[in-house]
Amino acid sequence: MSLPSTLVAAALTALVVLTTGCSTRQVYDGLQAGARSACQRYPEPDRSRCLAANDTDYEKYRRERDDMLLK
């Protein structure tokens, strides 16, 4: 997998979403969509691993983020 290109895509998606004044949920959904889209470029089994790594739902992400912020 080409992690740097995935990070670049995620960063660009985040920049676009953040500059449009979206909510945290919308930012998260946009980043997840970009990551899933990037996964489609990989052959199997890399595609499946990439998709699995990017399938955390928003509520789980929010709980983990909130826990980290409280520490």
PDB file of N, CA and C in Angstrom:
ATOM      1  N   MET A   1       0.836  -1.185   0.000  1.00  0.00           N
ATOM      2  CA  MET A   1       0.000   0.000   0.000  1.00  0.00           C
ATOM      3  C   MET A   1       0.876   1.242   0.000  1.00  0.00           C
ATOM      4  N   SER A   2       0.375   2.281  -0.593  1.00  0.00           N
ATOM      5  CA  SER A   2       1.097   3.540  -0.649  1.00  0.00           C
ATOM      6  C   SER A   2       0.524   4.503   0.378  1.00  0.00           C
ATOM      7  N   LEU A   3       1.016   4.410   1.579  1.00  0.00           N
ATOM      8  CA  LEU A   3       0.488   5.212   2.676  1.00  0.00           C
ATOM      9  C   LEU A   3       0.621   6.708   2.437  1.00  0.00           C
ATOM     10  N   PRO A   4       1.733   7.195   1.915  1.00  0.00           N
ATOM     11  CA  PRO A   4       1.833   8.638   1.723  1.00  0.00           C
ATOM     12  C   PRO A   4       0.741   9.204   0.816  1.00  0.00           C
ATOM     13  N   SER A   5       0.396   8.537  -0.278  1.00  0.00           N
ATOM     14  CA  SER A   5      -0.646   9.070  -1.156  1.00  0.00           C
ATOM     15  C   SER A   5      -2.002   9.052  -0.465  1.00  0.00           C
ATOM     16  N   THR A   6      -2.247   8.067   0.394  1.00  0.00           N
ATOM     17  CA  THR A   6      -3.492   8.023   1.157  1.00  0.00           C
ATOM     18  C   THR A   6      -3.542   9.186   2.139  1.00  0.00           C
ATOM     19  N   LEU A   7      -2.425   9.464   2.769  1.00  0.00           N
ATOM     20  CA  LEU A   7      -2.375  10.587   3.705  1.00  0.00           C
ATOM     21  C   LEU A   7      -2.566  11.920   2.994  1.00  0.00           C
ATOM     22  N   VAL A   8      -1.989  12.040   1.813  1.00  0.00           N
ATOM     23  CA  VAL A   8      -2.155  13.273   1.041  1.00  0.00           C
ATOM     24  C   VAL A   8      -3.622  13.456   0.675  1.00  0.00           C
ATOM     25  N   ALA A   9      -4.261  12.378   0.218  1.00  0.00           N
ATOM     26  CA  ALA A   9      -5.678  12.449  -0.134  1.00  0.00           C
ATOM     27  C   ALA A   9      -6.521  12.815   1.079  1.00  0.00           C
ATOM     28  N   ALA A  10      -6.223  12.212   2.215  1.00  0.00           N
ATOM     29  CA  ALA A  10      -6.968  12.514   3.440  1.00  0.00           C
ATOM     30  C   ALA A  10      -6.751  13.963   3.860  1.00  0.00           C
ATOM     31  N   ALA A  11      -5.534  14.433   3.756  1.00  0.00           N
ATOM     32  CA  ALA A  11      -5.239  15.812   4.145  1.00  0.00           C
ATOM     33  C   ALA A  11      -5.956  16.802   3.227  1.00  0.00           C
ATOM     34  N   LEU A  12      -5.956  16.519   1.935  1.00  0.00           N
ATOM     35  CA  LEU A  12      -6.655  17.399   1.004  1.00  0.00           C
ATOM     36  C   LEU A  12      -8.152  17.388   1.254  1.00  0.00           C
ATOM     37  N   THR A  13      -8.695  16.208   1.523  1.00  0.00           N
ATOM     38  CA  THR A  13     -10.125  16.112   1.830  1.00  0.00           C
ATOM     39  C   THR A  13     -10.434  16.906   3.095  1.00  0.00           C
ATOM     40  N   ALA A  14      -9.606  16.752   4.107  1.00  0.00           N
ATOM     41  CA  ALA A  14      -9.814  17.482   5.359  1.00  0.00           C
ATOM     42  C   ALA A  14      -9.760  18.986   5.125  1.00  0.00           C
ATOM     43  N   LEU A  15      -8.820  19.433   4.330  1.00  0.00           N
ATOM     44  CA  LEU A  15      -8.685  20.857   4.050  1.00  0.00           C
ATOM     45  C   LEU A  15      -9.935  21.403   3.363  1.00  0.00           C
ATOM     46  N   VAL A  16     -10.418  20.689   2.370  1.00  0.00           N
ATOM     47  CA  VAL A  16     -11.616  21.128   1.655  1.00  0.00           C
ATOM     48  C   VAL A  16     -12.813  21.143   2.588  1.00  0.00           C
ATOM     49  N   VAL A  17     -12.976  20.079   3.358  1.00  0.00           N
ATOM     50  CA  VAL A  17     -14.127  19.992   4.251  1.00  0.00           C
ATOM     51  C   VAL A  17     -14.054  21.057   5.339  1.00  0.00           C
ATOM     52  N   LEU A  18     -12.896  21.254   5.913  1.00  0.00           N
ATOM     53  CA  LEU A  18     -12.749  22.231   6.991  1.00  0.00           C
ATOM     54  C   LEU A  18     -12.968  23.659   6.512  1.00  0.00           C
ATOM     55  N   THR A  19     -12.584  23.942   5.298  1.00  0.00           N
ATOM     56  CA  THR A  19     -12.748  25.304   4.803  1.00  0.00           C
ATOM     57  C   THR A  19     -14.184  25.613   4.417  1.00  0.00           C
ATOM     58  N   THR A  20     -15.045  24.605   4.371  1.00  0.00           N
ATOM     59  CA  THR A  20     -16.447  24.846   4.046  1.00  0.00           C
ATOM     60  C   THR A  20     -17.310  24.938   5.293  1.00  0.00           C
ATOM     61  N   GLY A  21     -16.722  24.869   6.488  1.00  0.00           N
ATOM     62  CA  GLY A  21     -17.472  25.053   7.729  1.00  0.00           C
ATOM     63  C   GLY A  21     -18.349  23.875   8.103  1.00  0.00           C
ATOM     64  N   CYS A  22     -17.890  22.684   7.902  1.00  0.00           N
ATOM     65  CA  CYS A  22     -18.687  21.501   8.202  1.00  0.00           C
ATOM     66  C   CYS A  22     -18.559  21.092   9.670  1.00  0.00           C
ATOM     67  N   SER A  23     -19.495  20.261  10.101  1.00  0.00           N
ATOM     68  CA  SER A  23     -19.454  19.723  11.455  1.00  0.00           C
ATOM     69  C   SER A  23     -18.386  18.642  11.559  1.00  0.00           C
ATOM     70  N   THR A  24     -18.070  18.278  12.788  1.00  0.00           N
ATOM     71  CA  THR A  24     -17.105  17.204  13.018  1.00  0.00           C
ATOM     72  C   THR A  24     -17.555  15.923  12.328  1.00  0.00           C
ATOM     73  N   ARG A  25     -18.834  15.625  12.397  1.00  0.00           N
ATOM     74  CA  ARG A  25     -19.360  14.417  11.757  1.00  0.00           C
ATOM     75  C   ARG A  25     -19.154  14.475  10.247  1.00  0.00           C
ATOM     76  N   GLN A  26     -19.409  15.608   9.649  1.00  0.00           N
ATOM     77  CA  GLN A  26     -19.242  15.738   8.209  1.00  0.00           C
ATOM     78  C   GLN A  26     -17.772  15.620   7.814  1.00  0.00           C
ATOM     79  N   VAL A  27     -16.896  16.187   8.622  1.00  0.00           N
ATOM     80  CA  VAL A  27     -15.467  16.058   8.367  1.00  0.00           C
ATOM     81  C   VAL A  27     -15.066  14.591   8.421  1.00  0.00           C
ATOM     82  N   TYR A  28     -15.499  13.902   9.474  1.00  0.00           N
ATOM     83  CA  TYR A  28     -15.167  12.483   9.621  1.00  0.00           C
ATOM     84  C   TYR A  28     -15.689  11.678   8.435  1.00  0.00           C
ATOM     85  N   ASP A  29     -16.949  11.895   8.077  1.00  0.00           N
ATOM     86  CA  ASP A  29     -17.535  11.157   6.950  1.00  0.00           C
ATOM     87  C   ASP A  29     -16.783  11.432   5.647  1.00  0.00           C
ATOM     88  N   GLY A  30     -16.378  12.679   5.442  1.00  0.00           N
ATOM     89  CA  GLY A  30     -15.618  13.019   4.241  1.00  0.00           C
ATOM     90  C   GLY A  30     -14.265  12.342   4.199  1.00  0.00           C
ATOM     91  N   LEU A  31     -13.584  12.331   5.335  1.00  0.00           N
ATOM     92  CA  LEU A  31     -12.282  11.657   5.402  1.00  0.00           C
ATOM     93  C   LEU A  31     -12.430  10.157   5.187  1.00  0.00           C
ATOM     94  N   GLN A  32     -13.446   9.564   5.775  1.00  0.00           N
ATOM     95  CA  GLN A  32     -13.679   8.123   5.597  1.00  0.00           C
ATOM     96  C   GLN A  32     -13.987   7.806   4.132  1.00  0.00           C
ATOM     97  N   ALA A  33     -14.802   8.630   3.496  1.00  0.00           N
ATOM     98  CA  ALA A  33     -15.133   8.407   2.087  1.00  0.00           C
ATOM     99  C   ALA A  33     -13.883   8.506   1.222  1.00  0.00           C
ATOM    100  N   GLY A  34     -13.037   9.484   1.505  1.00  0.00           N
ATOM    101  CA  GLY A  34     -11.792   9.620   0.761  1.00  0.00           C
ATOM    102  C   GLY A  34     -10.869   8.431   0.960  1.00  0.00           C
ATOM    103  N   ALA A  35     -10.787   7.956   2.193  1.00  0.00           N
ATOM    104  CA  ALA A  35      -9.935   6.799   2.484  1.00  0.00           C
ATOM    105  C   ALA A  35     -10.465   5.546   1.794  1.00  0.00           C
ATOM    106  N   ARG A  36     -11.789   5.341   1.842  1.00  0.00           N
ATOM    107  CA  ARG A  36     -12.370   4.174   1.167  1.00  0.00           C
ATOM    108  C   ARG A  36     -12.169   4.252  -0.336  1.00  0.00           C
ATOM    109  N   SER A  37     -12.285   5.436  -0.872  1.00  0.00           N
ATOM    110  CA  SER A  37     -12.060   5.619  -2.304  1.00  0.00           C
ATOM    111  C   SER A  37     -10.615   5.280  -2.667  1.00  0.00           C
ATOM    112  N   ALA A  38      -9.683   5.718  -1.844  1.00  0.00           N
ATOM    113  CA  ALA A  38      -8.270   5.426  -2.084  1.00  0.00           C
ATOM    114  C   ALA A  38      -8.005   3.923  -2.018  1.00  0.00           C
ATOM    115  N   CYS A  39      -8.734   3.218  -1.158  1.00  0.00           N
ATOM    116  CA  CYS A  39      -8.551   1.769  -1.023  1.00  0.00           C
ATOM    117  C   CYS A  39      -8.885   1.033  -2.318  1.00  0.00           C
ATOM    118  N   GLN A  40      -9.781   1.589  -3.109  1.00  0.00           N
ATOM    119  CA  GLN A  40     -10.222   0.911  -4.325  1.00  0.00           C
ATOM    120  C   GLN A  40      -9.109   0.766  -5.357  1.00  0.00           C
ATOM    121  N   ARG A  41      -8.041   1.507  -5.204  1.00  0.00           N
ATOM    122  CA  ARG A  41      -6.917   1.428  -6.154  1.00  0.00           C
ATOM    123  C   ARG A  41      -6.039   0.208  -5.922  1.00  0.00           C
ATOM    124  N   TYR A  42      -6.184  -0.425  -4.777  1.00  0.00           N
ATOM    125  CA  TYR A  42      -5.315  -1.542  -4.430  1.00  0.00           C
ATOM    126  C   TYR A  42      -5.906  -2.864  -4.896  1.00  0.00           C
ATOM    127  N   PRO A  43      -5.019  -3.803  -5.252  1.00  0.00           N
ATOM    128  CA  PRO A  43      -5.492  -5.162  -5.573  1.00  0.00           C
ATOM    129  C   PRO A  43      -5.814  -5.906  -4.278  1.00  0.00           C
ATOM    130  N   GLU A  44      -6.579  -6.954  -4.389  1.00  0.00           N
ATOM    131  CA  GLU A  44      -6.832  -7.810  -3.223  1.00  0.00           C
ATOM    132  C   GLU A  44      -5.543  -8.518  -2.873  1.00  0.00           C
ATOM    133  N   PRO A  45      -5.233  -8.838  -1.656  1.00  0.00           N
ATOM    134  CA  PRO A  45      -5.989  -8.615  -0.423  1.00  0.00           C
ATOM    135  C   PRO A  45      -5.729  -7.256   0.208  1.00  0.00           C
ATOM    136  N   ASP A  46      -4.859  -6.430  -0.410  1.00  0.00           N
ATOM    137  CA  ASP A  46      -4.568  -5.108   0.157  1.00  0.00           C
ATOM    138  C   ASP A  46      -5.826  -4.245   0.248  1.00  0.00           C
ATOM    139  N   ARG A  47      -6.713  -4.354  -0.752  1.00  0.00           N
ATOM    140  CA  ARG A  47      -7.943  -3.563  -0.738  1.00  0.00           C
ATOM    141  C   ARG A  47      -8.784  -3.896   0.486  1.00  0.00           C
ATOM    142  N   SER A  48      -8.953  -5.171   0.768  1.00  0.00           N
ATOM    143  CA  SER A  48      -9.759  -5.583   1.923  1.00  0.00           C
ATOM    144  C   SER A  48      -9.149  -5.099   3.228  1.00  0.00           C
ATOM    145  N   ARG A  49      -7.833  -5.187   3.346  1.00  0.00           N
ATOM    146  CA  ARG A  49      -7.161  -4.710   4.562  1.00  0.00           C
ATOM    147  C   ARG A  49      -7.325  -3.203   4.717  1.00  0.00           C
ATOM    148  N   CYS A  50      -7.192  -2.488   3.619  1.00  0.00           N
ATOM    149  CA  CYS A  50      -7.346  -1.038   3.649  1.00  0.00           C
ATOM    150  C   CYS A  50      -8.767  -0.663   4.064  1.00  0.00           C
ATOM    151  N   LEU A  51      -9.759  -1.308   3.481  1.00  0.00           N
ATOM    152  CA  LEU A  51     -11.151  -1.017   3.817  1.00  0.00           C
ATOM    153  C   LEU A  51     -11.439  -1.354   5.282  1.00  0.00           C
ATOM    154  N   ALA A  52     -10.897  -2.471   5.758  1.00  0.00           N
ATOM    155  CA  ALA A  52     -11.102  -2.863   7.155  1.00  0.00           C
ATOM    156  C   ALA A  52     -10.475  -1.849   8.108  1.00  0.00           C
ATOM    157  N   ALA A  53      -9.352  -1.292   7.713  1.00  0.00           N
ATOM    158  CA  ALA A  53      -8.679  -0.305   8.558  1.00  0.00           C
ATOM    159  C   ALA A  53      -9.429   1.024   8.598  1.00  0.00           C
ATOM    160  N   ASN A  54     -10.335   1.219   7.668  1.00  0.00           N
ATOM    161  CA  ASN A  54     -11.064   2.481   7.570  1.00  0.00           C
ATOM    162  C   ASN A  54     -12.564   2.306   7.759  1.00  0.00           C
ATOM    163  N   ASP A  55     -12.967   1.356   8.599  1.00  0.00           N
ATOM    164  CA  ASP A  55     -14.404   1.130   8.764  1.00  0.00           C
ATOM    165  C   ASP A  55     -14.929   1.456  10.168  1.00  0.00           C
ATOM    166  N   THR A  56     -14.187   2.241  10.929  1.00  0.00           N
ATOM    167  CA  THR A  56     -14.647   2.639  12.258  1.00  0.00           C
ATOM    168  C   THR A  56     -15.821   3.606  12.108  1.00  0.00           C
ATOM    169  N   ASP A  57     -16.934   3.295  12.761  1.00  0.00           N
ATOM    170  CA  ASP A  57     -18.082   4.199  12.651  1.00  0.00           C
ATOM    171  C   ASP A  57     -17.838   5.464  13.476  1.00  0.00           C
ATOM    172  N   TYR A  58     -18.592   6.491  13.192  1.00  0.00           N
ATOM    173  CA  TYR A  58     -18.372   7.794  13.807  1.00  0.00           C
ATOM    174  C   TYR A  58     -18.515   7.752  15.324  1.00  0.00           C
ATOM    175  N   GLU A  59     -19.498   7.048  15.822  1.00  0.00           N
ATOM    176  CA  GLU A  59     -19.708   7.023  17.280  1.00  0.00           C
ATOM    177  C   GLU A  59     -18.515   6.407  18.006  1.00  0.00           C
ATOM    178  N   LYS A  60     -17.950   5.342  17.456  1.00  0.00           N
ATOM    179  CA  LYS A  60     -16.766   4.736  18.069  1.00  0.00           C
ATOM    180  C   LYS A  60     -15.589   5.713  18.005  1.00  0.00           C
ATOM    181  N   TYR A  61     -15.419   6.339  16.853  1.00  0.00           N
ATOM    182  CA  TYR A  61     -14.362   7.340  16.704  1.00  0.00           C
ATOM    183  C   TYR A  61     -14.540   8.464  17.729  1.00  0.00           C
ATOM    184  N   ARG A  62     -15.773   8.974  17.883  1.00  0.00           N
ATOM    185  CA  ARG A  62     -16.048  10.078  18.804  1.00  0.00           C
ATOM    186  C   ARG A  62     -15.722   9.694  20.244  1.00  0.00           C
ATOM    187  N   ARG A  63     -16.122   8.466  20.641  1.00  0.00           N
ATOM    188  CA  ARG A  63     -15.822   8.006  22.006  1.00  0.00           C
ATOM    189  C   ARG A  63     -14.317   7.927  22.229  1.00  0.00           C
ATOM    190  N   GLU A  64     -13.592   7.364  21.260  1.00  0.00           N
ATOM    191  CA  GLU A  64     -12.145   7.238  21.398  1.00  0.00           C
ATOM    192  C   GLU A  64     -11.479   8.622  21.432  1.00  0.00           C
ATOM    193  N   ARG A  65     -11.959   9.544  20.601  1.00  0.00           N
ATOM    194  CA  ARG A  65     -11.425  10.896  20.588  1.00  0.00           C
ATOM    195  C   ARG A  65     -11.683  11.594  21.910  1.00  0.00           C
ATOM    196  N   ASP A  66     -12.910  11.469  22.416  1.00  0.00           N
ATOM    197  CA  ASP A  66     -13.246  12.101  23.691  1.00  0.00           C
ATOM    198  C   ASP A  66     -12.414  11.528  24.839  1.00  0.00           C
ATOM    199  N   ASP A  67     -12.194  10.210  24.833  1.00  0.00           N
ATOM    200  CA  ASP A  67     -11.359   9.599  25.861  1.00  0.00           C
ATOM    201  C   ASP A  67      -9.939  10.155  25.815  1.00  0.00           C
ATOM    202  N   MET A  68      -9.404  10.319  24.617  1.00  0.00           N
ATOM    203  CA  MET A  68      -8.039  10.841  24.470  1.00  0.00           C
ATOM    204  C   MET A  68      -7.957  12.299  24.926  1.00  0.00           C
ATOM    205  N   LEU A  69      -8.986  13.067  24.642  1.00  0.00           N
ATOM    206  CA  LEU A  69      -8.982  14.479  25.043  1.00  0.00           C
ATOM    207  C   LEU A  69      -9.083  14.663  26.542  1.00  0.00           C
ATOM    208  N   LEU A  70      -9.696  13.705  27.221  1.00  0.00           N
ATOM    209  CA  LEU A  70      -9.846  13.786  28.675  1.00  0.00           C
ATOM    210  C   LEU A  70      -8.576  13.407  29.426  1.00  0.00           C
ATOM    211  N   LYS A  71      -7.643  12.778  28.751  1.00  0.00           N
ATOM    212  CA  LYS A  71      -6.402  12.335  29.405  1.00  0.00           C
ATOM    213  C   LYS A  71      -5.422  13.461  29.533  1.00  0.00           C
TER     214      LYS A  71
END
